[in-house]
């Protein structure tokens, strides 16, 4: 019986996928909030809560933005300085 338990424990982590959320998911959240706001999807008393959530998600995305974009801009600036 202990062998069965060990086998189940070994199989269980492999069969379960850990839920994950990506930066693209956060960007999609911002888009959903913006679209719903544009279409009048929120009541007035909900707007401050929605706005606070949008600000937090936006700040999170800005903080975790890949540094590739900053690195791509730097060579472009240095090329202009050389010209």
Protein backbone atom coordinates (compact mmCIF):
# COMPACT_ATOMS: atom_id res chain seq x y z
CA UNK A 1 0.00 0.00 0.00
CA UNK A 2 2.87 2.39 0.69
CA UNK A 3 4.12 1.71 -2.83
CA UNK A 4 0.78 2.86 -4.25
CA UNK A 5 0.91 6.09 -2.27
CA UNK A 6 4.44 6.80 -3.47
CA UNK A 7 3.40 6.15 -7.06
CA UNK A 8 0.40 8.48 -6.74
CA UNK A 9 2.54 11.22 -5.22
CA UNK A 10 5.05 10.92 -8.03
CA UNK A 11 2.38 11.03 -10.74
CA UNK A 12 0.25 13.78 -9.22
CA UNK A 13 2.69 16.73 -9.63
CA UNK A 14 3.39 15.73 -13.23
CA UNK A 15 -0.28 15.61 -14.18
CA UNK A 16 -1.24 18.93 -12.60
CA UNK A 17 -0.28 22.14 -14.36
CA UNK A 18 0.43 25.09 -12.13
CA UNK A 19 -1.81 28.04 -13.05
CA UNK A 20 0.24 30.84 -14.54
CA UNK A 21 -0.35 34.39 -15.64
CA UNK A 22 1.82 36.29 -18.07
CA UNK A 23 2.51 39.93 -18.81
CA UNK A 24 0.34 39.52 -21.90
CA UNK A 25 -2.55 38.55 -19.62
CA UNK A 26 -2.07 41.76 -17.64
CA UNK A 27 -1.98 43.77 -20.87
CA UNK A 28 -5.23 42.08 -21.90
CA UNK A 29 -6.77 43.09 -18.55
CA UNK A 30 -5.94 46.73 -19.28
CA UNK A 31 -7.55 46.44 -22.69
CA UNK A 32 -10.71 44.89 -21.21
CA UNK A 33 -10.97 47.68 -18.64
CA UNK A 34 -10.46 50.34 -21.31
CA UNK A 35 -13.06 48.81 -23.65
CA UNK A 36 -15.63 48.40 -20.88
CA UNK A 37 -15.08 51.98 -19.78
CA UNK A 38 -15.44 53.28 -23.33
CA UNK A 39 -18.68 51.35 -23.78
CA UNK A 40 -20.13 52.51 -20.45
CA UNK A 41 -19.86 49.09 -18.84
CA UNK A 42 -19.40 50.39 -15.30
CA UNK A 43 -21.70 52.31 -12.99
CA UNK A 44 -20.44 55.57 -11.54
CA UNK A 45 -19.88 54.16 -8.05
CA UNK A 46 -17.68 51.41 -9.55
CA UNK A 47 -15.36 53.73 -11.46
CA UNK A 48 -12.97 54.51 -8.61
CA UNK A 49 -12.42 50.79 -7.87
CA UNK A 50 -11.96 50.03 -11.57
CA UNK A 51 -9.58 52.97 -11.93
CA UNK A 52 -7.50 51.84 -8.95
CA UNK A 53 -7.27 48.33 -10.37
CA UNK A 54 -6.25 49.70 -13.76
CA UNK A 55 -3.56 51.87 -12.17
CA UNK A 56 -2.11 48.89 -10.25
CA UNK A 57 -2.06 46.65 -13.32
CA UNK A 58 -0.53 49.42 -15.41
CA UNK A 59 2.19 50.06 -12.80
CA UNK A 60 2.91 46.32 -12.62
CA UNK A 61 3.28 46.11 -16.39
CA UNK A 62 5.53 49.17 -16.52
CA UNK A 63 7.75 47.79 -13.75
CA UNK A 64 8.06 44.36 -15.38
CA UNK A 65 8.38 45.61 -18.96
CA UNK A 66 11.10 43.65 -20.74
CA UNK A 67 14.36 45.56 -20.96
CA UNK A 68 14.71 44.59 -24.64
CA UNK A 69 12.72 47.64 -25.66
CA UNK A 70 15.11 49.94 -23.79
CA UNK A 71 18.14 48.16 -25.28
CA UNK A 72 16.74 48.47 -28.82
CA UNK A 73 16.21 52.22 -28.38
CA UNK A 74 19.75 52.88 -27.12
CA UNK A 75 21.59 51.87 -30.33
CA UNK A 76 19.18 53.96 -32.40
CA UNK A 77 20.01 57.01 -30.30
CA UNK A 78 23.76 56.42 -30.57
CA UNK A 79 23.50 56.03 -34.36
CA UNK A 80 21.80 59.41 -34.61
CA UNK A 81 24.52 61.01 -32.46
CA UNK A 82 27.23 59.66 -34.78
CA UNK A 83 25.52 61.00 -37.94
